[in-house]
Amino acid sequence: MQTKPSRSVRPAQAQHFLGIGKTAFWRWVKERPDFPRPIKLGRSVTVFKLDELVAWRDKQGEKQAGVTQ
């Protein structure tokens, strides 16, 4: 059984997806322990797994709505 590879996005794409600016995005990376971790592919290439960003965003919406699992 083959697993589908996770799609990776660059920080600017992740910022757009979450609807936040560059400063807020990097602050969340630094200060929120539950925020998805960046993956360094090279000295100047950083990506985030899109499925992790989606899961994190959805979890934040559940917290605001008062839904718990």
N, C-alpha and C. Protein backbone atom coordinates (compact mmCIF):
# COMPACT_ATOMS: atom_id res chain seq x y z
N MET A 1 0.84 -1.18 0.00
CA MET A 1 0.00 0.00 0.00
C MET A 1 0.88 1.25 0.00
N GLN A 2 0.65 2.12 -0.93
CA GLN A 2 1.43 3.34 -1.01
C GLN A 2 0.70 4.46 -0.28
N THR A 3 1.47 5.30 0.39
CA THR A 3 0.87 6.46 1.04
C THR A 3 1.10 7.68 0.16
N LYS A 4 0.13 8.55 0.16
CA LYS A 4 0.22 9.78 -0.62
C LYS A 4 1.18 10.74 0.08
N PRO A 5 2.18 11.26 -0.63
CA PRO A 5 3.11 12.19 0.01
C PRO A 5 2.39 13.48 0.42
N SER A 6 2.82 14.02 1.54
CA SER A 6 2.24 15.26 2.04
C SER A 6 2.71 16.43 1.18
N ARG A 7 1.81 17.31 0.86
CA ARG A 7 2.16 18.50 0.08
C ARG A 7 2.83 19.51 1.01
N SER A 8 3.91 20.07 0.55
CA SER A 8 4.63 21.08 1.32
C SER A 8 4.38 22.45 0.73
N VAL A 9 4.34 23.45 1.60
CA VAL A 9 4.17 24.83 1.14
C VAL A 9 5.26 25.70 1.75
N ARG A 10 5.63 26.73 1.03
CA ARG A 10 6.61 27.68 1.51
C ARG A 10 5.95 28.60 2.54
N PRO A 11 6.72 29.29 3.37
CA PRO A 11 6.14 30.17 4.39
C PRO A 11 5.15 31.20 3.85
N ALA A 12 5.44 31.81 2.72
CA ALA A 12 4.52 32.81 2.16
C ALA A 12 3.17 32.18 1.80
N GLN A 13 3.20 30.96 1.28
CA GLN A 13 1.96 30.26 0.96
C GLN A 13 1.20 29.91 2.24
N ALA A 14 1.93 29.50 3.27
CA ALA A 14 1.30 29.16 4.55
C ALA A 14 0.66 30.40 5.17
N GLN A 15 1.33 31.53 5.08
CA GLN A 15 0.78 32.78 5.60
C GLN A 15 -0.52 33.12 4.89
N HIS A 16 -0.52 33.01 3.59
CA HIS A 16 -1.72 33.30 2.80
C HIS A 16 -2.84 32.33 3.17
N PHE A 17 -2.53 31.06 3.29
CA PHE A 17 -3.51 30.03 3.64
C PHE A 17 -4.17 30.34 4.99
N LEU A 18 -3.36 30.79 5.95
CA LEU A 18 -3.88 31.09 7.29
C LEU A 18 -4.47 32.49 7.40
N GLY A 19 -4.21 33.33 6.40
CA GLY A 19 -4.76 34.68 6.40
C GLY A 19 -4.08 35.61 7.40
N ILE A 20 -2.78 35.42 7.58
CA ILE A 20 -2.02 36.26 8.52
C ILE A 20 -0.79 36.82 7.83
N GLY A 21 -0.20 37.82 8.45
CA GLY A 21 0.99 38.45 7.91
C GLY A 21 2.26 37.72 8.30
N LYS A 22 3.35 38.17 7.73
CA LYS A 22 4.66 37.55 7.93
C LYS A 22 5.10 37.59 9.40
N THR A 23 4.94 38.75 10.03
CA THR A 23 5.38 38.88 11.43
C THR A 23 4.59 37.97 12.35
N ALA A 24 3.27 37.98 12.20
CA ALA A 24 2.43 37.11 13.04
C ALA A 24 2.76 35.64 12.80
N PHE A 25 2.96 35.28 11.55
CA PHE A 25 3.28 33.89 11.21
C PHE A 25 4.52 33.41 11.93
N TRP A 26 5.60 34.16 11.83
CA TRP A 26 6.85 33.72 12.46
C TRP A 26 6.78 33.80 13.99
N ARG A 27 5.96 34.71 14.50
CA ARG A 27 5.74 34.75 15.95
C ARG A 27 5.04 33.47 16.40
N TRP A 28 4.04 33.04 15.64
CA TRP A 28 3.34 31.79 15.98
C TRP A 28 4.30 30.61 15.93
N VAL A 29 5.17 30.56 14.93
CA VAL A 29 6.15 29.47 14.83
C VAL A 29 7.02 29.45 16.09
N LYS A 30 7.42 30.62 16.53
CA LYS A 30 8.31 30.73 17.68
C LYS A 30 7.61 30.50 19.02
N GLU A 31 6.41 31.04 19.17
CA GLU A 31 5.78 31.09 20.50
C GLU A 31 4.68 30.07 20.75
N ARG A 32 4.13 29.45 19.74
CA ARG A 32 3.03 28.50 19.94
C ARG A 32 3.57 27.07 19.80
N PRO A 33 3.64 26.35 20.91
CA PRO A 33 4.20 25.00 20.85
C PRO A 33 3.36 24.03 20.03
N ASP A 34 2.07 24.32 19.83
CA ASP A 34 1.21 23.42 19.06
C ASP A 34 1.21 23.75 17.57
N PHE A 35 1.90 24.83 17.16
CA PHE A 35 1.94 25.22 15.75
C PHE A 35 2.86 24.27 15.00
N PRO A 36 2.49 23.89 13.76
CA PRO A 36 3.35 22.98 12.98
C PRO A 36 4.78 23.51 12.84
N ARG A 37 5.72 22.60 12.95
CA ARG A 37 7.14 22.95 12.89
C ARG A 37 7.61 23.10 11.45
N PRO A 38 8.48 24.07 11.20
CA PRO A 38 9.05 24.22 9.87
C PRO A 38 10.04 23.09 9.57
N ILE A 39 10.19 22.80 8.29
CA ILE A 39 11.14 21.79 7.84
C ILE A 39 12.16 22.51 6.96
N LYS A 40 13.42 22.43 7.36
CA LYS A 40 14.50 23.06 6.58
C LYS A 40 14.97 22.06 5.52
N LEU A 41 14.83 22.46 4.27
CA LEU A 41 15.30 21.63 3.16
C LEU A 41 16.68 22.06 2.69
N GLY A 42 17.08 23.21 3.11
CA GLY A 42 18.39 23.75 2.73
C GLY A 42 18.63 25.02 3.53
N ARG A 43 19.72 25.66 3.27
CA ARG A 43 20.08 26.86 4.01
C ARG A 43 19.03 27.96 3.86
N SER A 44 18.44 28.05 2.69
CA SER A 44 17.47 29.12 2.48
C SER A 44 16.10 28.61 2.02
N VAL A 45 15.83 27.33 2.27
CA VAL A 45 14.55 26.75 1.86
C VAL A 45 13.87 26.13 3.08
N THR A 46 12.72 26.69 3.45
CA THR A 46 11.91 26.20 4.56
C THR A 46 10.52 25.90 4.03
N VAL A 47 9.96 24.79 4.47
CA VAL A 47 8.61 24.42 4.07
C VAL A 47 7.81 23.97 5.30
N PHE A 48 6.50 23.91 5.12
CA PHE A 48 5.57 23.40 6.13
C PHE A 48 4.69 22.37 5.45
N LYS A 49 4.30 21.33 6.18
CA LYS A 49 3.40 20.33 5.63
C LYS A 49 1.99 20.90 5.65
N LEU A 50 1.36 20.92 4.48
CA LEU A 50 0.04 21.51 4.36
C LEU A 50 -0.98 20.78 5.21
N ASP A 51 -0.91 19.44 5.27
CA ASP A 51 -1.89 18.71 6.07
C ASP A 51 -1.77 19.06 7.56
N GLU A 52 -0.57 19.36 8.04
CA GLU A 52 -0.39 19.78 9.43
C GLU A 52 -0.98 21.16 9.67
N LEU A 53 -0.82 22.05 8.69
CA LEU A 53 -1.40 23.39 8.82
C LEU A 53 -2.93 23.33 8.82
N VAL A 54 -3.49 22.48 7.96
CA VAL A 54 -4.95 22.32 7.90
C VAL A 54 -5.46 21.78 9.23
N ALA A 55 -4.81 20.74 9.76
CA ALA A 55 -5.23 20.15 11.03
C ALA A 55 -5.13 21.16 12.17
N TRP A 56 -4.06 21.95 12.18
CA TRP A 56 -3.88 22.95 13.23
C TRP A 56 -4.97 24.01 13.14
N ARG A 57 -5.23 24.50 11.93
CA ARG A 57 -6.27 25.52 11.72
C ARG A 57 -7.64 25.01 12.16
N ASP A 58 -7.96 23.78 11.77
CA ASP A 58 -9.25 23.21 12.14
C ASP A 58 -9.38 23.05 13.65
N LYS A 59 -8.30 22.68 14.31
CA LYS A 59 -8.31 22.53 15.76
C LYS A 59 -8.55 23.88 16.44
N GLN A 60 -7.98 24.95 15.88
CA GLN A 60 -8.19 26.28 16.46
C GLN A 60 -9.66 26.67 16.34
N GLY A 61 -10.29 26.33 15.23
CA GLY A 61 -11.71 26.62 15.04
C GLY A 61 -12.57 25.87 16.04
N GLU A 62 -12.20 24.63 16.32
CA GLU A 62 -12.94 23.83 17.30
C GLU A 62 -12.81 24.43 18.70
N LYS A 63 -11.60 24.91 19.03
CA LYS A 63 -11.38 25.53 20.34
C LYS A 63 -12.26 26.76 20.51
N GLN A 64 -12.35 27.58 19.45
CA GLN A 64 -13.16 28.79 19.52
C GLN A 64 -14.64 28.47 19.62
N ALA A 65 -15.06 27.37 18.97
CA ALA A 65 -16.47 26.99 19.00
C ALA A 65 -16.83 26.23 20.28
N GLY A 66 -15.80 25.88 21.08
CA GLY A 66 -16.04 25.15 22.31
C GLY A 66 -16.24 23.66 22.11
N VAL A 67 -15.81 23.14 20.97
CA VAL A 67 -15.94 21.72 20.67
C VAL A 67 -14.68 21.02 21.17
N THR A 68 -14.87 19.93 21.91
CA THR A 68 -13.72 19.14 22.36
C THR A 68 -13.96 17.70 21.99
N GLN A 69 -12.86 16.98 21.82
CA GLN A 69 -12.97 15.56 21.48
C GLN A 69 -12.48 14.71 22.62
